[in-house]
Amino acid sequence: MTIHSLVIQKLLSTNAHMGRRLVEHHFKVYTYGFRNGCAVIDSDKTLICMRNACDFMASLVRQKGRFLFVNTNSLCDEIVEQMTRKIGCFTPDAPWRLGGFLTNSSSPKKFRSRNKKIIFGPSQPPDCVVILDTERKSSVIQEASRLEIPIVSVVDPSMPLDTFKKIAYPIPAKDSVQFVYLFCNLITKTFLYEQKKMGLGKKEDETARKLAVQKAEKNEK
């Protein structure tokens, strides 16, 4: 079995190929067809999109770009926190109410909108927004698009075309916990590889250790 086949097999084990009954016309290019009334997402195309997204993120890491990670699935909180801690982007206790957060980044406020957990590094606007699930988050996408910030996002078959067009690097997949874990693991490896080439690995490890100690001390209190 080839390496490509092994990767595809691992991707299939996350159920990333399981789509929805409702499929927008523009999404059909990412599907094989239908099974039991639900779309079957082409895993080869999912893998290509993941690679393209990681190549883009790698280029930003080399430029010391800032990243904003958005996650609205509480089941994935620990996975996302572990990833951001490892890559040096972790900020303890960083829940914000998005809805004007990006466009009002000079003075963040708590807005009257759904609470969305984000992991945000520096206080400056990010150079890339990474959305790790397919729940409707049009406010995040609209704001990032308005500021011309590139978006990497997991997308599902029911996403409207006007929203889909705003995503620079769409990743067609079902956002199962297993898939989010796989994608976060790929992001982690991408970041650590680039940081190691730049000689930042030890520095980021030390930052991660300090943050872990700070969080442990806070929990003890």
C-alpha atoms as a PDB file:
ATOM      1  CA  MET A   1       0.000   0.000   0.000  1.00  0.00           C
ATOM      2  CA  THR A   2       1.373   3.427  -0.966  1.00  0.00           C
ATOM      3  CA  ILE A   3       1.801   6.350   1.440  1.00  0.00           C
ATOM      4  CA  HIS A   4      -0.999   8.173  -0.397  1.00  0.00           C
ATOM      5  CA  SER A   5      -3.336   5.220   0.140  1.00  0.00           C
ATOM      6  CA  LEU A   6      -2.466   5.101   3.837  1.00  0.00           C
ATOM      7  CA  VAL A   7      -3.196   8.811   4.236  1.00  0.00           C
ATOM      8  CA  ILE A   8      -6.521   8.464   2.401  1.00  0.00           C
ATOM      9  CA  GLN A   9      -7.403   5.472   4.581  1.00  0.00           C
ATOM     10  CA  LYS A  10      -6.681   7.513   7.699  1.00  0.00           C
ATOM     11  CA  LEU A  11      -8.779  10.378   6.339  1.00  0.00           C
ATOM     12  CA  LEU A  12     -11.673   8.005   5.655  1.00  0.00           C
ATOM     13  CA  SER A  13     -11.470   6.692   9.226  1.00  0.00           C
ATOM     14  CA  THR A  14     -12.370  10.187  10.471  1.00  0.00           C
ATOM     15  CA  ASN A  15     -15.630  10.133   8.434  1.00  0.00           C
ATOM     16  CA  ALA A  16     -14.509  13.342   6.719  1.00  0.00           C
ATOM     17  CA  HIS A  17     -16.148  12.068   3.523  1.00  0.00           C
ATOM     18  CA  MET A  18     -19.637  11.947   5.032  1.00  0.00           C
ATOM     19  CA  GLY A  19     -21.559  14.904   3.625  1.00  0.00           C
ATOM     20  CA  ARG A  20     -25.103  16.221   4.037  1.00  0.00           C
ATOM     21  CA  ARG A  21     -28.359  15.746   2.179  1.00  0.00           C
ATOM     22  CA  LEU A  22     -28.382  19.376   1.096  1.00  0.00           C
ATOM     23  CA  VAL A  23     -25.580  20.135  -1.374  1.00  0.00           C
ATOM     24  CA  GLU A  24     -25.035  23.548  -2.926  1.00  0.00           C
ATOM     25  CA  HIS A  25     -24.276  23.461  -6.663  1.00  0.00           C
ATOM     26  CA  HIS A  26     -20.772  24.947  -6.296  1.00  0.00           C
ATOM     27  CA  PHE A  27     -19.801  22.176  -3.844  1.00  0.00           C
ATOM     28  CA  LYS A  28     -20.530  19.317  -6.233  1.00  0.00           C
ATOM     29  CA  VAL A  29     -17.001  19.560  -7.648  1.00  0.00           C
ATOM     30  CA  TYR A  30     -15.799  18.150  -4.294  1.00  0.00           C
ATOM     31  CA  THR A  31     -18.164  15.159  -4.248  1.00  0.00           C
ATOM     32  CA  TYR A  32     -18.205  11.634  -5.686  1.00  0.00           C
ATOM     33  CA  GLY A  33     -21.971  11.430  -5.684  1.00  0.00           C
ATOM     34  CA  PHE A  34     -24.604  10.369  -3.161  1.00  0.00           C
ATOM     35  CA  ARG A  35     -25.072   7.439  -0.831  1.00  0.00           C
ATOM     36  CA  ASN A  36     -28.257   6.886   1.157  1.00  0.00           C
ATOM     37  CA  GLY A  37     -29.333  10.370   0.145  1.00  0.00           C
ATOM     38  CA  CYS A  38     -26.195  12.070   1.518  1.00  0.00           C
ATOM     39  CA  ALA A  39     -23.289  13.507  -0.446  1.00  0.00           C
ATOM     40  CA  VAL A  40     -19.982  11.625  -0.408  1.00  0.00           C
ATOM     41  CA  ILE A  41     -17.037  14.031  -0.313  1.00  0.00           C
ATOM     42  CA  ASP A  42     -14.009  13.151  -2.460  1.00  0.00           C
ATOM     43  CA  SER A  43     -11.201  12.378   0.019  1.00  0.00           C
ATOM     44  CA  ASP A  44      -8.518  12.987  -2.613  1.00  0.00           C
ATOM     45  CA  LYS A  45      -9.754  16.555  -3.027  1.00  0.00           C
ATOM     46  CA  THR A  46      -9.985  17.023   0.737  1.00  0.00           C
ATOM     47  CA  LEU A  47      -6.348  15.940   1.021  1.00  0.00           C
ATOM     48  CA  ILE A  48      -5.263  18.310  -1.772  1.00  0.00           C
ATOM     49  CA  CYS A  49      -7.059  21.209  -0.090  1.00  0.00           C
ATOM     50  CA  MET A  50      -5.458  20.378   3.272  1.00  0.00           C
ATOM     51  CA  ARG A  51      -2.010  20.371   1.676  1.00  0.00           C
ATOM     52  CA  ASN A  52      -2.649  23.699  -0.054  1.00  0.00           C
ATOM     53  CA  ALA A  53      -3.837  25.237   3.210  1.00  0.00           C
ATOM     54  CA  CYS A  54      -0.810  23.953   5.116  1.00  0.00           C
ATOM     55  CA  ASP A  55       1.562  25.209   2.410  1.00  0.00           C
ATOM     56  CA  PHE A  56      -0.014  28.652   2.772  1.00  0.00           C
ATOM     57  CA  MET A  57       0.241  28.559   6.570  1.00  0.00           C
ATOM     58  CA  ALA A  58       3.860  27.420   6.307  1.00  0.00           C
ATOM     59  CA  SER A  59       4.670  30.453   4.162  1.00  0.00           C
ATOM     60  CA  LEU A  60       3.103  32.721   6.800  1.00  0.00           C
ATOM     61  CA  VAL A  61       5.062  31.023   9.584  1.00  0.00           C
ATOM     62  CA  ARG A  62       8.253  31.791   7.667  1.00  0.00           C
ATOM     63  CA  GLN A  63       7.129  35.433   7.502  1.00  0.00           C
ATOM     64  CA  LYS A  64       6.312  35.369  11.249  1.00  0.00           C
ATOM     65  CA  GLY A  65       2.640  35.939  10.522  1.00  0.00           C
ATOM     66  CA  ARG A  66      -0.110  36.079  13.154  1.00  0.00           C
ATOM     67  CA  PHE A  67      -2.872  33.461  13.279  1.00  0.00           C
ATOM     68  CA  LEU A  68      -6.407  33.471  14.673  1.00  0.00           C
ATOM     69  CA  PHE A  69      -7.930  30.044  15.359  1.00  0.00           C
ATOM     70  CA  VAL A  70     -11.726  29.851  15.633  1.00  0.00           C
ATOM     71  CA  ASN A  71     -13.510  26.856  17.148  1.00  0.00           C
ATOM     72  CA  THR A  72     -17.192  26.685  18.113  1.00  0.00           C
ATOM     73  CA  ASN A  73     -17.359  22.967  18.953  1.00  0.00           C
ATOM     74  CA  SER A  74     -16.836  22.424  22.683  1.00  0.00           C
ATOM     75  CA  LEU A  75     -15.893  18.785  22.007  1.00  0.00           C
ATOM     76  CA  CYS A  76     -12.771  20.042  20.211  1.00  0.00           C
ATOM     77  CA  ASP A  77     -11.680  22.637  22.788  1.00  0.00           C
ATOM     78  CA  GLU A  78      -8.934  20.480  24.294  1.00  0.00           C
ATOM     79  CA  ILE A  79      -7.634  19.436  20.864  1.00  0.00           C
ATOM     80  CA  VAL A  80      -7.375  23.047  19.702  1.00  0.00           C
ATOM     81  CA  GLU A  81      -5.790  24.238  22.954  1.00  0.00           C
ATOM     82  CA  GLN A  82      -3.142  21.508  22.791  1.00  0.00           C
ATOM     83  CA  MET A  83      -2.345  22.444  19.194  1.00  0.00           C
ATOM     84  CA  THR A  84      -2.033  26.170  19.873  1.00  0.00           C
ATOM     85  CA  ARG A  85       0.074  25.547  22.965  1.00  0.00           C
ATOM     86  CA  LYS A  86       2.501  23.401  20.985  1.00  0.00           C
ATOM     87  CA  ILE A  87       2.889  25.916  18.164  1.00  0.00           C
ATOM     88  CA  GLY A  88       3.312  28.876  20.519  1.00  0.00           C
ATOM     89  CA  CYS A  89       0.009  30.619  19.735  1.00  0.00           C
ATOM     90  CA  PHE A  90      -1.786  29.713  22.953  1.00  0.00           C
ATOM     91  CA  THR A  91      -3.375  32.447  25.078  1.00  0.00           C
ATOM     92  CA  PRO A  92      -4.903  31.155  28.351  1.00  0.00           C
ATOM     93  CA  ASP A  93      -8.578  31.918  28.964  1.00  0.00           C
ATOM     94  CA  ALA A  94      -9.249  33.695  25.670  1.00  0.00           C
ATOM     95  CA  PRO A  95     -13.004  33.483  25.087  1.00  0.00           C
ATOM     96  CA  TRP A  96     -14.371  36.448  23.137  1.00  0.00           C
ATOM     97  CA  ARG A  97     -17.755  37.337  21.753  1.00  0.00           C
ATOM     98  CA  LEU A  98     -17.161  37.742  18.052  1.00  0.00           C
ATOM     99  CA  GLY A  99     -19.211  40.190  16.059  1.00  0.00           C
ATOM    100  CA  GLY A 100     -17.065  43.238  15.430  1.00  0.00           C
ATOM    101  CA  PHE A 101     -14.023  41.710  17.119  1.00  0.00           C
ATOM    102  CA  LEU A 102     -11.800  41.892  14.041  1.00  0.00           C
ATOM    103  CA  THR A 103     -13.110  45.188  12.712  1.00  0.00           C
ATOM    104  CA  ASN A 104     -12.876  46.723  16.195  1.00  0.00           C
ATOM    105  CA  SER A 105      -9.625  45.029  17.200  1.00  0.00           C
ATOM    106  CA  SER A 106      -8.133  48.255  18.585  1.00  0.00           C
ATOM    107  CA  SER A 107     -10.654  48.139  21.432  1.00  0.00           C
ATOM    108  CA  PRO A 108     -12.183  44.645  21.761  1.00  0.00           C
ATOM    109  CA  LYS A 109     -15.644  44.552  23.338  1.00  0.00           C
ATOM    110  CA  LYS A 110     -18.143  41.904  24.294  1.00  0.00           C
ATOM    111  CA  PHE A 111     -20.833  42.060  21.674  1.00  0.00           C
ATOM    112  CA  ARG A 112     -24.369  40.744  21.749  1.00  0.00           C
ATOM    113  CA  SER A 113     -23.806  37.708  19.613  1.00  0.00           C
ATOM    114  CA  ARG A 114     -23.181  34.025  20.115  1.00  0.00           C
ATOM    115  CA  ASN A 115     -20.176  33.244  22.242  1.00  0.00           C
ATOM    116  CA  LYS A 116     -17.408  31.812  20.077  1.00  0.00           C
ATOM    117  CA  LYS A 117     -14.181  30.553  21.536  1.00  0.00           C
ATOM    118  CA  ILE A 118     -11.095  31.731  19.721  1.00  0.00           C
ATOM    119  CA  ILE A 119      -7.398  31.325  20.284  1.00  0.00           C
ATOM    120  CA  PHE A 120      -5.631  34.553  19.481  1.00  0.00           C
ATOM    121  CA  GLY A 121      -1.976  35.422  19.810  1.00  0.00           C
ATOM    122  CA  PRO A 122      -0.883  39.087  19.601  1.00  0.00           C
ATOM    123  CA  SER A 123      -3.289  42.008  19.972  1.00  0.00           C
ATOM    124  CA  GLN A 124      -2.722  43.082  16.350  1.00  0.00           C
ATOM    125  CA  PRO A 125      -5.092  41.898  13.595  1.00  0.00           C
ATOM    126  CA  PRO A 126      -4.201  38.399  12.349  1.00  0.00           C
ATOM    127  CA  ASP A 127      -2.632  37.632   8.996  1.00  0.00           C
ATOM    128  CA  CYS A 128      -4.761  34.498   8.672  1.00  0.00           C
ATOM    129  CA  VAL A 129      -8.015  33.226  10.192  1.00  0.00           C
ATOM    130  CA  VAL A 130      -8.303  29.440  10.575  1.00  0.00           C
ATOM    131  CA  ILE A 131     -11.823  28.077  11.177  1.00  0.00           C
ATOM    132  CA  LEU A 132     -11.822  24.508  12.443  1.00  0.00           C
ATOM    133  CA  ASP A 133     -15.482  23.515  12.133  1.00  0.00           C
ATOM    134  CA  THR A 134     -18.379  23.981   9.735  1.00  0.00           C
ATOM    135  CA  GLU A 135     -20.923  25.583  12.063  1.00  0.00           C
ATOM    136  CA  ARG A 136     -22.314  28.765  10.532  1.00  0.00           C
ATOM    137  CA  LYS A 137     -19.916  31.556  11.464  1.00  0.00           C
ATOM    138  CA  SER A 138     -20.697  34.124   8.805  1.00  0.00           C
ATOM    139  CA  SER A 139     -19.818  37.030  11.122  1.00  0.00           C
ATOM    140  CA  VAL A 140     -16.205  35.833  11.369  1.00  0.00           C
ATOM    141  CA  ILE A 141     -15.973  35.242   7.626  1.00  0.00           C
ATOM    142  CA  GLN A 142     -17.607  38.573   6.776  1.00  0.00           C
ATOM    143  CA  GLU A 143     -15.253  40.548   9.025  1.00  0.00           C
ATOM    144  CA  ALA A 144     -12.105  38.760   7.855  1.00  0.00           C
ATOM    145  CA  SER A 145     -13.164  39.266   4.239  1.00  0.00           C
ATOM    146  CA  ARG A 146     -13.830  42.964   4.860  1.00  0.00           C
ATOM    147  CA  LEU A 147     -10.291  43.344   6.220  1.00  0.00           C
ATOM    148  CA  GLU A 148      -8.890  41.215   3.356  1.00  0.00           C
ATOM    149  CA  ILE A 149      -7.546  38.627   5.794  1.00  0.00           C
ATOM    150  CA  PRO A 150      -7.072  35.194   4.140  1.00  0.00           C
ATOM    151  CA  ILE A 151      -9.358  32.505   5.545  1.00  0.00           C
ATOM    152  CA  VAL A 152      -8.617  28.802   5.916  1.00  0.00           C
ATOM    153  CA  SER A 153     -11.816  26.960   6.786  1.00  0.00           C
ATOM    154  CA  VAL A 154     -13.411  23.546   6.922  1.00  0.00           C
ATOM    155  CA  VAL A 155     -16.512  23.760   4.701  1.00  0.00           C
ATOM    156  CA  ASP A 156     -19.526  21.515   4.261  1.00  0.00           C
ATOM    157  CA  PRO A 157     -21.830  20.910   1.259  1.00  0.00           C
ATOM    158  CA  SER A 158     -24.536  23.283   2.524  1.00  0.00           C
ATOM    159  CA  MET A 159     -22.389  26.436   2.739  1.00  0.00           C
ATOM    160  CA  PRO A 160     -23.898  29.226   0.564  1.00  0.00           C
ATOM    161  CA  LEU A 161     -21.890  30.379  -2.448  1.00  0.00           C
ATOM    162  CA  ASP A 162     -21.520  33.986  -1.253  1.00  0.00           C
ATOM    163  CA  THR A 163     -19.895  32.738   1.964  1.00  0.00           C
ATOM    164  CA  PHE A 164     -17.831  30.076   0.195  1.00  0.00           C
ATOM    165  CA  LYS A 165     -16.319  32.666  -2.162  1.00  0.00           C
ATOM    166  CA  LYS A 166     -14.814  34.553   0.779  1.00  0.00           C
ATOM    167  CA  ILE A 167     -12.721  31.560   1.870  1.00  0.00           C
ATOM    168  CA  ALA A 168      -9.260  31.516   0.293  1.00  0.00           C
ATOM    169  CA  TYR A 169      -8.462  27.934   1.324  1.00  0.00           C
ATOM    170  CA  PRO A 170     -11.632  25.832   1.731  1.00  0.00           C
ATOM    171  CA  ILE A 171     -11.276  22.304   3.086  1.00  0.00           C
ATOM    172  CA  PRO A 172     -14.280  20.144   2.142  1.00  0.00           C
ATOM    173  CA  ALA A 173     -14.941  17.724   4.981  1.00  0.00           C
ATOM    174  CA  LYS A 174     -17.278  16.710   7.759  1.00  0.00           C
ATOM    175  CA  ASP A 175     -16.007  18.390  10.928  1.00  0.00           C
ATOM    176  CA  SER A 176     -15.992  15.286  13.126  1.00  0.00           C
ATOM    177  CA  VAL A 177     -13.853  15.369  16.264  1.00  0.00           C
ATOM    178  CA  GLN A 178     -11.560  12.816  14.615  1.00  0.00           C
ATOM    179  CA  PHE A 179     -11.091  14.998  11.546  1.00  0.00           C
ATOM    180  CA  VAL A 180     -10.426  18.139  13.607  1.00  0.00           C
ATOM    181  CA  TYR A 181      -7.798  16.141  15.543  1.00  0.00           C
ATOM    182  CA  LEU A 182      -6.179  15.009  12.279  1.00  0.00           C
ATOM    183  CA  PHE A 183      -6.194  18.531  10.820  1.00  0.00           C
ATOM    184  CA  CYS A 184      -4.835  20.087  14.032  1.00  0.00           C
ATOM    185  CA  ASN A 185      -2.080  17.472  14.092  1.00  0.00           C
ATOM    186  CA  LEU A 186      -1.167  18.393  10.507  1.00  0.00           C
ATOM    187  CA  ILE A 187      -1.127  22.103  11.399  1.00  0.00           C
ATOM    188  CA  THR A 188       1.094  21.373  14.408  1.00  0.00           C
ATOM    189  CA  LYS A 189       3.601  19.434  12.300  1.00  0.00           C
ATOM    190  CA  THR A 190       3.622  22.200   9.689  1.00  0.00           C
ATOM    191  CA  PHE A 191       4.320  24.905  12.277  1.00  0.00           C
ATOM    192  CA  LEU A 192       6.968  22.939  14.181  1.00  0.00           C
ATOM    193  CA  TYR A 193       8.786  21.985  10.970  1.00  0.00           C
ATOM    194  CA  GLU A 194       8.973  25.605   9.806  1.00  0.00           C
ATOM    195  CA  GLN A 195       9.890  26.865  13.286  1.00  0.00           C
ATOM    196  CA  LYS A 196      12.674  24.301  13.532  1.00  0.00           C
ATOM    197  CA  LYS A 197      14.073  25.431  10.177  1.00  0.00           C
ATOM    198  CA  MET A 198      14.023  29.004  11.462  1.00  0.00           C
ATOM    199  CA  GLY A 199      15.644  28.019  14.761  1.00  0.00           C
ATOM    200  CA  LEU A 200      12.544  28.920  16.773  1.00  0.00           C
ATOM    201  CA  GLY A 201      11.732  25.468  18.072  1.00  0.00           C
ATOM    202  CA  LYS A 202      13.447  25.816  21.450  1.00  0.00           C
ATOM    203  CA  LYS A 203      12.025  29.273  22.012  1.00  0.00           C
ATOM    204  CA  GLU A 204       8.452  28.126  21.298  1.00  0.00           C
ATOM    205  CA  ASP A 205       8.896  25.068  23.554  1.00  0.00           C
ATOM    206  CA  GLU A 206       9.972  27.338  26.397  1.00  0.00           C
ATOM    207  CA  THR A 207       6.989  29.628  25.799  1.00  0.00           C
ATOM    208  CA  ALA A 208       4.632  26.651  25.833  1.00  0.00           C
ATOM    209  CA  ARG A 209       6.144  25.380  29.098  1.00  0.00           C
ATOM    210  CA  LYS A 210       5.763  28.779  30.765  1.00  0.00           C
ATOM    211  CA  LEU A 211       2.135  29.037  29.678  1.00  0.00           C
ATOM    212  CA  ALA A 212       1.415  25.522  30.958  1.00  0.00           C
ATOM    213  CA  VAL A 213       2.929  26.416  34.349  1.00  0.00           C
ATOM    214  CA  GLN A 214       0.901  29.640  34.504  1.00  0.00           C
ATOM    215  CA  LYS A 215      -2.305  27.772  33.733  1.00  0.00           C
ATOM    216  CA  ALA A 216      -1.539  25.096  36.355  1.00  0.00           C
ATOM    217  CA  GLU A 217      -0.851  27.755  38.990  1.00  0.00           C
ATOM    218  CA  LYS A 218      -4.104  29.515  38.137  1.00  0.00           C
ATOM    219  CA  ASN A 219      -6.079  26.267  38.447  1.00  0.00           C
ATOM    220  CA  GLU A 220      -4.557  25.601  41.870  1.00  0.00           C
ATOM    221  CA  LYS A 221      -5.786  28.987  43.079  1.00  0.00           C
END
